């Protein structure tokens, strides 16, 4: 069992393996048995020393899981600079000066990667509002961010940097970012507390 878990972690990485494990073990998920077949098939291929084929099977399994989970953020943090290849440095606090650039790093999962012939399409858009603790909205912008991509393969890890420049009086606020999957009806709301000095 431990050996089996280790090779899955090597093939998928910790984040993706956690997603696969969560969905596979969930008693409420009727697709659990179907997903287990990917694991069984990959194990069989590995025993036959067909590592590339096993990897391909597990990638198909990850795609199956991705297509049946909610649009959600597995990471949502303030960062110091733009990320490079999913590498980033987390900011130590959420305290900003009015007008200072606020950079938010978000890793979403579960949005649509639509297969069209020999490629995949992704189309996302986002709005934001900033509100006081009592819910009063003080600023915002619709369609402030848009992302479109055409890929030759299904991609299992995504990360986006969102930049905000907000003028506000000192106090505590919440940045509400609403992502829309333009290829489906899925939406994701990310609420991030922020303070201005």
C-alpha atoms as a PDB file:
ATOM      1  CA  UNK A   1       0.000   0.000   0.000  1.00  0.00           C
ATOM      2  CA  UNK A   2       2.806   2.422   0.905  1.00  0.00           C
ATOM      3  CA  UNK A   3       4.695   1.627  -2.305  1.00  0.00           C
ATOM      4  CA  UNK A   4       1.494   2.173  -4.275  1.00  0.00           C
ATOM      5  CA  UNK A   5       0.961   5.575  -2.641  1.00  0.00           C
ATOM      6  CA  UNK A   6       4.569   6.598  -3.290  1.00  0.00           C
ATOM      7  CA  UNK A   7       4.470   5.990  -7.021  1.00  0.00           C
ATOM      8  CA  UNK A   8       1.175   7.848  -7.282  1.00  0.00           C
ATOM      9  CA  UNK A   9       2.710  10.837  -5.536  1.00  0.00           C
ATOM     10  CA  UNK A  10       5.681  10.732  -7.894  1.00  0.00           C
ATOM     11  CA  UNK A  11       3.429  10.586 -10.955  1.00  0.00           C
ATOM     12  CA  UNK A  12       0.902  13.202  -9.892  1.00  0.00           C
ATOM     13  CA  UNK A  13       2.545  15.477  -7.357  1.00  0.00           C
ATOM     14  CA  UNK A  14       1.134  16.093  -3.857  1.00  0.00           C
ATOM     15  CA  UNK A  15      -1.696  18.457  -4.785  1.00  0.00           C
ATOM     16  CA  UNK A  16      -3.094  16.295  -7.567  1.00  0.00           C
ATOM     17  CA  UNK A  17      -2.700  13.107  -5.567  1.00  0.00           C
ATOM     18  CA  UNK A  18      -4.693  14.689  -2.720  1.00  0.00           C
ATOM     19  CA  UNK A  19      -7.501  15.543  -5.172  1.00  0.00           C
ATOM     20  CA  UNK A  20      -7.542  12.019  -6.625  1.00  0.00           C
ATOM     21  CA  UNK A  21      -7.518  10.455  -3.149  1.00  0.00           C
ATOM     22  CA  UNK A  22     -10.321  12.726  -1.899  1.00  0.00           C
ATOM     23  CA  UNK A  23     -12.618  11.912  -4.805  1.00  0.00           C
ATOM     24  CA  UNK A  24     -11.776   8.206  -4.884  1.00  0.00           C
ATOM     25  CA  UNK A  25     -12.381   7.685  -1.156  1.00  0.00           C
ATOM     26  CA  UNK A  26     -15.541   9.775  -0.979  1.00  0.00           C
ATOM     27  CA  UNK A  27     -18.489   7.425  -0.265  1.00  0.00           C
ATOM     28  CA  UNK A  28     -20.893   9.950  -1.785  1.00  0.00           C
ATOM     29  CA  UNK A  29     -19.133   9.837  -5.143  1.00  0.00           C
ATOM     30  CA  UNK A  30     -20.672   7.314  -7.529  1.00  0.00           C
ATOM     31  CA  UNK A  31     -17.623   7.612  -9.776  1.00  0.00           C
ATOM     32  CA  UNK A  32     -15.223   6.233  -7.154  1.00  0.00           C
ATOM     33  CA  UNK A  33     -15.156   2.763  -8.701  1.00  0.00           C
ATOM     34  CA  UNK A  34     -14.516   4.178 -12.167  1.00  0.00           C
ATOM     35  CA  UNK A  35     -11.628   6.222 -10.822  1.00  0.00           C
ATOM     36  CA  UNK A  36     -10.183   3.211  -9.020  1.00  0.00           C
ATOM     37  CA  UNK A  37      -9.925   1.468 -12.404  1.00  0.00           C
ATOM     38  CA  UNK A  38      -7.352   4.034 -13.528  1.00  0.00           C
ATOM     39  CA  UNK A  39      -5.209   3.195 -10.508  1.00  0.00           C
ATOM     40  CA  UNK A  40      -5.567  -0.557 -11.034  1.00  0.00           C
ATOM     41  CA  UNK A  41      -4.692  -0.278 -14.717  1.00  0.00           C
ATOM     42  CA  UNK A  42      -1.669   1.922 -13.994  1.00  0.00           C
ATOM     43  CA  UNK A  43      -0.416  -0.501 -11.329  1.00  0.00           C
ATOM     44  CA  UNK A  44      -0.699  -3.361 -13.808  1.00  0.00           C
ATOM     45  CA  UNK A  45       1.258  -1.414 -16.421  1.00  0.00           C
ATOM     46  CA  UNK A  46       3.974  -0.578 -13.903  1.00  0.00           C
ATOM     47  CA  UNK A  47       4.359  -4.268 -13.032  1.00  0.00           C
ATOM     48  CA  UNK A  48       4.895  -4.838 -16.740  1.00  0.00           C
ATOM     49  CA  UNK A  49       7.544  -2.072 -16.690  1.00  0.00           C
ATOM     50  CA  UNK A  50       5.429   0.116 -18.964  1.00  0.00           C
ATOM     51  CA  UNK A  51       5.995   3.356 -17.026  1.00  0.00           C
ATOM     52  CA  UNK A  52       5.064   5.770 -19.834  1.00  0.00           C
ATOM     53  CA  UNK A  53       1.752   3.989 -20.433  1.00  0.00           C
ATOM     54  CA  UNK A  54       1.071   3.983 -16.673  1.00  0.00           C
ATOM     55  CA  UNK A  55       1.736   7.705 -16.536  1.00  0.00           C
ATOM     56  CA  UNK A  56      -0.671   8.280 -19.432  1.00  0.00           C
ATOM     57  CA  UNK A  57      -3.402   6.303 -17.643  1.00  0.00           C
ATOM     58  CA  UNK A  58      -2.947   8.319 -14.439  1.00  0.00           C
ATOM     59  CA  UNK A  59      -3.110  11.566 -16.414  1.00  0.00           C
ATOM     60  CA  UNK A  60      -6.439  10.411 -17.823  1.00  0.00           C
ATOM     61  CA  UNK A  61      -7.545   9.674 -14.265  1.00  0.00           C
ATOM     62  CA  UNK A  62      -6.579  13.176 -13.130  1.00  0.00           C
ATOM     63  CA  UNK A  63      -8.549  14.644 -16.050  1.00  0.00           C
ATOM     64  CA  UNK A  64     -11.568  12.552 -15.031  1.00  0.00           C
ATOM     65  CA  UNK A  65     -11.324  13.805 -11.435  1.00  0.00           C
ATOM     66  CA  UNK A  66     -10.827  17.409 -12.568  1.00  0.00           C
ATOM     67  CA  UNK A  67     -13.982  17.265 -14.681  1.00  0.00           C
ATOM     68  CA  UNK A  68     -16.087  16.153 -11.691  1.00  0.00           C
ATOM     69  CA  UNK A  69     -14.942  18.462  -8.904  1.00  0.00           C
ATOM     70  CA  UNK A  70     -16.184  21.934  -8.036  1.00  0.00           C
ATOM     71  CA  UNK A  71     -14.483  25.039  -9.368  1.00  0.00           C
ATOM     72  CA  UNK A  72     -12.427  26.008  -6.314  1.00  0.00           C
ATOM     73  CA  UNK A  73      -9.131  27.542  -5.210  1.00  0.00           C
ATOM     74  CA  UNK A  74      -6.552  25.277  -3.589  1.00  0.00           C
ATOM     75  CA  UNK A  75      -4.353  28.302  -2.906  1.00  0.00           C
ATOM     76  CA  UNK A  76      -5.122  32.013  -2.441  1.00  0.00           C
ATOM     77  CA  UNK A  77      -2.309  34.169  -1.009  1.00  0.00           C
ATOM     78  CA  UNK A  78      -0.778  37.620  -1.273  1.00  0.00           C
ATOM     79  CA  UNK A  79       2.666  37.479  -2.875  1.00  0.00           C
ATOM     80  CA  UNK A  80       5.587  39.881  -3.167  1.00  0.00           C
ATOM     81  CA  UNK A  81       6.255  39.524  -6.889  1.00  0.00           C
ATOM     82  CA  UNK A  82       4.717  37.810  -9.908  1.00  0.00           C
ATOM     83  CA  UNK A  83       5.079  34.047  -9.730  1.00  0.00           C
ATOM     84  CA  UNK A  84       7.393  32.198 -12.102  1.00  0.00           C
ATOM     85  CA  UNK A  85       6.511  28.590 -12.999  1.00  0.00           C
ATOM     86  CA  UNK A  86       4.236  28.315  -9.946  1.00  0.00           C
ATOM     87  CA  UNK A  87       7.027  29.523  -7.663  1.00  0.00           C
ATOM     88  CA  UNK A  88       6.220  32.514  -5.483  1.00  0.00           C
ATOM     89  CA  UNK A  89       7.135  34.264  -2.245  1.00  0.00           C
ATOM     90  CA  UNK A  90       4.247  34.764   0.155  1.00  0.00           C
ATOM     91  CA  UNK A  91       3.884  38.235   1.606  1.00  0.00           C
ATOM     92  CA  UNK A  92       4.242  38.221   5.400  1.00  0.00           C
ATOM     93  CA  UNK A  93       1.104  40.318   6.028  1.00  0.00           C
ATOM     94  CA  UNK A  94      -1.973  41.754   4.337  1.00  0.00           C
ATOM     95  CA  UNK A  95      -1.229  45.394   5.217  1.00  0.00           C
ATOM     96  CA  UNK A  96      -0.991  47.787   2.249  1.00  0.00           C
ATOM     97  CA  UNK A  97      -0.800  51.494   1.593  1.00  0.00           C
ATOM     98  CA  UNK A  98      -3.665  53.047  -0.331  1.00  0.00           C
ATOM     99  CA  UNK A  99      -2.803  52.908  -4.029  1.00  0.00           C
ATOM    100  CA  UNK A 100      -0.098  50.252  -3.594  1.00  0.00           C
ATOM    101  CA  UNK A 101      -0.203  47.309  -6.017  1.00  0.00           C
ATOM    102  CA  UNK A 102      -1.797  44.271  -4.374  1.00  0.00           C
ATOM    103  CA  UNK A 103      -0.762  41.003  -5.977  1.00  0.00           C
ATOM    104  CA  UNK A 104      -2.901  37.919  -5.337  1.00  0.00           C
ATOM    105  CA  UNK A 105      -1.717  34.426  -6.307  1.00  0.00           C
ATOM    106  CA  UNK A 106      -4.536  31.930  -6.941  1.00  0.00           C
ATOM    107  CA  UNK A 107      -4.368  28.237  -7.869  1.00  0.00           C
ATOM    108  CA  UNK A 108      -7.806  27.147  -9.115  1.00  0.00           C
ATOM    109  CA  UNK A 109      -8.998  23.655 -10.013  1.00  0.00           C
ATOM    110  CA  UNK A 110     -12.165  22.262 -11.560  1.00  0.00           C
ATOM    111  CA  UNK A 111     -12.787  24.788 -14.331  1.00  0.00           C
ATOM    112  CA  UNK A 112     -13.440  23.625 -17.895  1.00  0.00           C
ATOM    113  CA  UNK A 113     -10.641  22.504 -20.142  1.00  0.00           C
ATOM    114  CA  UNK A 114     -12.668  21.815 -23.265  1.00  0.00           C
ATOM    115  CA  UNK A 115     -11.317  19.273 -25.701  1.00  0.00           C
ATOM    116  CA  UNK A 116     -11.744  20.369 -29.328  1.00  0.00           C
ATOM    117  CA  UNK A 117     -10.227  17.953 -31.843  1.00  0.00           C
ATOM    118  CA  UNK A 118      -6.532  17.711 -30.929  1.00  0.00           C
ATOM    119  CA  UNK A 119      -6.345  20.524 -28.366  1.00  0.00           C
ATOM    120  CA  UNK A 120      -7.908  21.946 -25.191  1.00  0.00           C
ATOM    121  CA  UNK A 121      -9.446  25.388 -24.644  1.00  0.00           C
ATOM    122  CA  UNK A 122      -9.663  27.437 -21.440  1.00  0.00           C
ATOM    123  CA  UNK A 123     -11.581  30.711 -21.100  1.00  0.00           C
ATOM    124  CA  UNK A 124     -11.848  32.475 -17.741  1.00  0.00           C
ATOM    125  CA  UNK A 125     -12.892  35.947 -16.669  1.00  0.00           C
ATOM    126  CA  UNK A 126     -13.024  37.739 -13.306  1.00  0.00           C
ATOM    127  CA  UNK A 127     -14.654  40.716 -11.571  1.00  0.00           C
ATOM    128  CA  UNK A 128     -13.774  42.119  -8.184  1.00  0.00           C
ATOM    129  CA  UNK A 129     -15.216  44.297  -5.466  1.00  0.00           C
ATOM    130  CA  UNK A 130     -13.661  45.607  -2.280  1.00  0.00           C
ATOM    131  CA  UNK A 131     -15.917  46.033   0.733  1.00  0.00           C
ATOM    132  CA  UNK A 132     -15.664  47.277   4.297  1.00  0.00           C
ATOM    133  CA  UNK A 133     -16.204  44.845   7.175  1.00  0.00           C
ATOM    134  CA  UNK A 134     -19.882  45.832   7.285  1.00  0.00           C
ATOM    135  CA  UNK A 135     -20.304  44.817   3.632  1.00  0.00           C
ATOM    136  CA  UNK A 136     -20.335  48.321   2.134  1.00  0.00           C
ATOM    137  CA  UNK A 137     -18.727  48.144  -1.308  1.00  0.00           C
ATOM    138  CA  UNK A 138     -16.211  50.948  -1.863  1.00  0.00           C
ATOM    139  CA  UNK A 139     -14.713  49.950  -5.226  1.00  0.00           C
ATOM    140  CA  UNK A 140     -14.794  47.284  -7.880  1.00  0.00           C
ATOM    141  CA  UNK A 141     -14.497  46.475 -11.538  1.00  0.00           C
ATOM    142  CA  UNK A 142     -16.274  44.043 -13.847  1.00  0.00           C
ATOM    143  CA  UNK A 143     -14.303  42.079 -16.425  1.00  0.00           C
ATOM    144  CA  UNK A 144     -11.035  43.311 -14.936  1.00  0.00           C
ATOM    145  CA  UNK A 145      -9.219  40.076 -15.822  1.00  0.00           C
ATOM    146  CA  UNK A 146      -9.557  37.648 -18.716  1.00  0.00           C
ATOM    147  CA  UNK A 147      -7.605  34.546 -19.628  1.00  0.00           C
ATOM    148  CA  UNK A 148      -7.784  32.460 -22.806  1.00  0.00           C
ATOM    149  CA  UNK A 149      -5.490  29.612 -23.736  1.00  0.00           C
ATOM    150  CA  UNK A 150      -5.292  26.879 -26.354  1.00  0.00           C
ATOM    151  CA  UNK A 151      -3.156  23.874 -25.406  1.00  0.00           C
ATOM    152  CA  UNK A 152      -2.113  20.623 -26.981  1.00  0.00           C
ATOM    153  CA  UNK A 153      -2.724  18.698 -23.738  1.00  0.00           C
ATOM    154  CA  UNK A 154      -4.749  18.721 -20.532  1.00  0.00           C
ATOM    155  CA  UNK A 155      -2.959  20.722 -17.842  1.00  0.00           C
ATOM    156  CA  UNK A 156      -3.343  19.594 -14.227  1.00  0.00           C
ATOM    157  CA  UNK A 157      -1.916  22.617 -12.406  1.00  0.00           C
ATOM    158  CA  UNK A 158      -2.789  26.264 -12.949  1.00  0.00           C
ATOM    159  CA  UNK A 159      -1.747  29.471 -11.224  1.00  0.00           C
ATOM    160  CA  UNK A 160      -2.730  33.081 -11.841  1.00  0.00           C
ATOM    161  CA  UNK A 161      -1.406  36.403 -10.560  1.00  0.00           C
ATOM    162  CA  UNK A 162      -4.066  39.077 -10.151  1.00  0.00           C
ATOM    163  CA  UNK A 163      -2.993  42.690  -9.611  1.00  0.00           C
ATOM    164  CA  UNK A 164      -5.210  45.235  -7.867  1.00  0.00           C
ATOM    165  CA  UNK A 165      -4.519  48.937  -7.356  1.00  0.00           C
ATOM    166  CA  UNK A 166      -7.020  50.141  -4.786  1.00  0.00           C
ATOM    167  CA  UNK A 167      -7.426  53.555  -3.192  1.00  0.00           C
ATOM    168  CA  UNK A 168      -9.064  53.252   0.209  1.00  0.00           C
ATOM    169  CA  UNK A 169      -9.147  54.846   3.641  1.00  0.00           C
ATOM    170  CA  UNK A 170      -7.338  53.072   6.499  1.00  0.00           C
ATOM    171  CA  UNK A 171      -9.194  50.042   7.819  1.00  0.00           C
ATOM    172  CA  UNK A 172     -10.096  46.411   7.231  1.00  0.00           C
ATOM    173  CA  UNK A 173     -11.625  45.309   3.947  1.00  0.00           C
ATOM    174  CA  UNK A 174     -12.339  42.185   1.912  1.00  0.00           C
ATOM    175  CA  UNK A 175     -11.426  41.765  -1.742  1.00  0.00           C
ATOM    176  CA  UNK A 176     -14.067  39.588  -3.377  1.00  0.00           C
ATOM    177  CA  UNK A 177     -12.896  38.100  -6.674  1.00  0.00           C
ATOM    178  CA  UNK A 178     -15.465  36.241  -8.760  1.00  0.00           C
ATOM    179  CA  UNK A 179     -14.093  33.987 -11.498  1.00  0.00           C
ATOM    180  CA  UNK A 180     -16.380  32.853 -14.316  1.00  0.00           C
ATOM    181  CA  UNK A 181     -15.715  29.809 -16.464  1.00  0.00           C
ATOM    182  CA  UNK A 182     -16.849  31.048 -19.882  1.00  0.00           C
ATOM    183  CA  UNK A 183     -17.057  27.498 -21.240  1.00  0.00           C
ATOM    184  CA  UNK A 184     -19.585  26.405 -18.604  1.00  0.00           C
ATOM    185  CA  UNK A 185     -21.804  27.882 -15.888  1.00  0.00           C
ATOM    186  CA  UNK A 186     -19.169  27.344 -13.171  1.00  0.00           C
ATOM    187  CA  UNK A 187     -18.103  30.230 -10.939  1.00  0.00           C
ATOM    188  CA  UNK A 188     -15.571  30.611  -8.145  1.00  0.00           C
ATOM    189  CA  UNK A 189     -15.667  33.287  -5.433  1.00  0.00           C
ATOM    190  CA  UNK A 190     -12.458  34.070  -3.551  1.00  0.00           C
ATOM    191  CA  UNK A 191     -12.683  36.343  -0.488  1.00  0.00           C
ATOM    192  CA  UNK A 192      -9.371  37.789   0.695  1.00  0.00           C
ATOM    193  CA  UNK A 193      -9.104  40.028   3.799  1.00  0.00           C
ATOM    194  CA  UNK A 194      -6.860  43.083   3.362  1.00  0.00           C
ATOM    195  CA  UNK A 195      -5.934  46.063   5.554  1.00  0.00           C
ATOM    196  CA  UNK A 196      -5.002  49.585   4.502  1.00  0.00           C
ATOM    197  CA  UNK A 197      -2.850  51.857   6.656  1.00  0.00           C
END
